[in-house]
Amino acid sequence: MATTGTVISGLMAIYTGATPAKITCQVNASLNLKRDTRDITCKDSGDWEDALPARKSWTLSGTGNLALDATNGWKQLYTAWDAGTALACVFQTGVTGDEKYSGSAYVTSLSADSSGSQENVTFSFELKGNGALTKATT
């Protein structure tokens, strides 16, 4: 049954792979959509700039707790980054009937952070969309 009302953040996550698997132990997950514009200002525009919509782009980013034995975590993202291979990606709740956003993306940023002496080691990542992002229902 589809989620109703405000979606709780614990449901929304980033999944990767041909059979989408949630990135292990995520703490944060974000989908960012961008639309460039093109300047169509001319002498008839007066003091105002005129613009029309142009290219669209998207990124997924997130953080997680680092587990070297994770099923789908740091190692898998590192392997895709190192090889320069695209990953099938989905931003979704995983709840039947909810919207999901899918596409192919490259790992453009990957970092690990080991702060303090008794804290979790975390990792951060960014995935840059390659082509269209599609909206469908889970």
Protein backbone atom coordinates (compact mmCIF):
# COMPACT_ATOMS: atom_id res chain seq x y z
CA MET A 1 0.00 0.00 0.00
CA ALA A 2 1.38 3.41 -0.98
CA THR A 3 2.71 5.75 1.69
CA THR A 4 0.24 8.49 2.68
CA GLY A 5 1.00 11.85 4.23
CA THR A 6 4.52 12.98 4.99
CA VAL A 7 7.14 10.38 4.11
CA ILE A 8 9.35 9.41 7.04
CA SER A 9 13.05 9.86 6.20
CA GLY A 10 13.97 6.33 7.28
CA LEU A 11 12.04 4.94 4.29
CA MET A 12 13.70 6.97 1.52
CA ALA A 13 17.03 5.56 0.34
CA ILE A 14 19.35 5.11 -2.62
CA TYR A 15 19.48 1.70 -4.27
CA THR A 16 22.00 0.52 -6.88
CA GLY A 17 22.42 -2.44 -9.21
CA ALA A 18 20.48 -4.29 -11.90
CA THR A 19 18.35 -5.81 -9.12
CA PRO A 20 18.25 -2.69 -6.94
CA ALA A 21 19.78 -3.19 -3.49
CA LYS A 22 19.79 -0.47 -0.85
CA ILE A 23 23.21 1.03 -0.14
CA THR A 24 24.05 -0.53 3.21
CA CYS A 25 23.62 1.49 6.44
CA GLN A 26 22.72 4.84 4.86
CA VAL A 27 22.37 7.79 7.17
CA ASN A 28 21.41 10.41 4.56
CA ALA A 29 20.14 10.22 0.98
CA SER A 30 19.45 13.10 -1.41
CA LEU A 31 18.16 13.50 -4.94
CA ASN A 32 19.05 16.84 -6.55
CA LEU A 33 17.43 18.03 -9.78
CA LYS A 34 18.74 20.94 -11.82
CA ARG A 35 17.49 22.79 -14.90
CA ASP A 36 19.83 25.18 -16.71
CA THR A 37 18.48 28.14 -18.60
CA ARG A 38 19.62 29.79 -21.78
CA ASP A 39 19.80 33.54 -22.12
CA ILE A 40 17.49 34.95 -24.81
CA THR A 41 17.92 38.59 -23.79
CA CYS A 42 17.93 41.00 -26.73
CA LYS A 43 17.61 44.72 -27.37
CA ASP A 44 13.83 44.39 -27.04
CA SER A 45 14.15 43.05 -23.47
CA GLY A 46 14.70 46.42 -21.85
CA ASP A 47 16.36 46.23 -18.42
CA TRP A 48 15.28 42.65 -17.81
CA GLU A 49 17.05 39.42 -18.64
CA ASP A 50 14.96 36.87 -20.55
CA ALA A 51 15.57 33.13 -20.32
CA LEU A 52 14.16 29.83 -21.48
CA PRO A 53 14.61 26.37 -19.96
CA ALA A 54 17.57 24.33 -21.23
CA ARG A 55 19.34 21.14 -20.13
CA LYS A 56 18.34 19.10 -17.10
CA SER A 57 20.69 17.17 -14.81
CA TRP A 58 20.46 15.16 -11.62
CA THR A 59 22.64 13.80 -8.85
CA LEU A 60 22.20 11.43 -5.95
CA SER A 61 24.27 11.85 -2.81
CA GLY A 62 24.41 10.30 0.59
CA THR A 63 26.33 9.23 3.64
CA GLY A 64 26.53 5.94 5.46
CA ASN A 65 28.29 4.10 8.24
CA LEU A 66 31.29 2.24 6.85
CA ALA A 67 31.19 -1.56 7.08
CA LEU A 68 33.91 -3.33 5.11
CA ASP A 69 31.74 -6.46 4.87
CA ALA A 70 28.62 -4.61 3.64
CA THR A 71 26.64 -6.26 0.85
CA ASN A 72 26.27 -2.98 -1.07
CA GLY A 73 28.43 -0.23 0.41
CA TRP A 74 31.85 1.42 0.23
CA LYS A 75 33.56 -1.42 -1.66
CA GLN A 76 30.94 -1.56 -4.40
CA LEU A 77 30.94 2.23 -4.83
CA TYR A 78 34.75 2.26 -4.87
CA THR A 79 34.84 -0.47 -7.54
CA ALA A 80 32.43 1.49 -9.78
CA TRP A 81 34.40 4.72 -9.20
CA ASP A 82 37.75 3.04 -9.91
CA ALA A 83 36.54 1.35 -13.10
CA GLY A 84 34.51 4.36 -14.30
CA THR A 85 31.43 2.21 -14.76
CA ALA A 86 27.87 3.48 -14.53
CA LEU A 87 25.53 2.14 -11.88
CA ALA A 88 21.79 1.61 -12.21
CA CYS A 89 20.36 3.81 -9.43
CA VAL A 90 16.97 4.23 -7.78
CA PHE A 91 15.78 6.80 -5.21
CA GLN A 92 12.76 5.28 -3.50
CA THR A 93 11.00 4.17 -0.34
CA GLY A 94 10.67 0.58 -1.54
CA VAL A 95 6.96 0.68 -0.59
CA THR A 96 4.63 -0.74 -3.25
CA GLY A 97 2.63 2.06 -4.86
CA ASP A 98 5.13 4.84 -4.07
CA GLU A 99 6.93 6.85 -6.74
CA LYS A 100 10.52 5.95 -7.55
CA TYR A 101 13.14 7.80 -9.59
CA SER A 102 15.56 5.69 -11.65
CA GLY A 103 18.53 6.23 -13.94
CA SER A 104 22.14 5.45 -14.70
CA ALA A 105 24.89 7.34 -12.86
CA TYR A 106 28.64 7.50 -12.33
CA VAL A 107 30.34 7.76 -8.93
CA THR A 108 31.94 11.22 -9.10
CA SER A 109 32.84 11.62 -5.44
CA LEU A 110 33.62 9.13 -2.69
CA SER A 111 35.17 9.90 0.69
CA ALA A 112 35.67 8.22 4.06
CA ASP A 113 35.87 10.01 7.41
CA SER A 114 37.34 8.64 10.62
CA SER A 115 36.84 11.39 13.20
CA GLY A 116 37.48 11.05 16.89
CA SER A 117 38.49 7.84 18.65
CA GLN A 118 35.18 6.16 19.50
CA GLU A 119 32.94 7.29 16.62
CA ASN A 120 31.62 5.47 13.58
CA VAL A 121 33.71 5.65 10.42
CA THR A 122 31.45 7.14 7.77
CA PHE A 123 31.55 7.50 4.01
CA SER A 124 30.02 10.02 1.63
CA PHE A 125 29.29 9.65 -2.06
CA GLU A 126 27.87 11.49 -5.06
CA LEU A 127 26.43 9.91 -8.19
CA LYS A 128 26.10 12.06 -11.33
CA GLY A 129 23.20 11.11 -13.58
CA ASN A 130 24.02 9.96 -17.10
CA GLY A 131 20.95 10.67 -19.23
CA ALA A 132 17.33 10.82 -18.20
CA LEU A 133 15.91 10.26 -14.74
CA THR A 134 12.61 8.41 -15.02
CA LYS A 135 9.67 8.49 -12.65
CA ALA A 136 7.62 5.32 -12.12
CA THR A 137 5.68 3.50 -9.42
CA THR A 138 7.20 0.78 -7.24
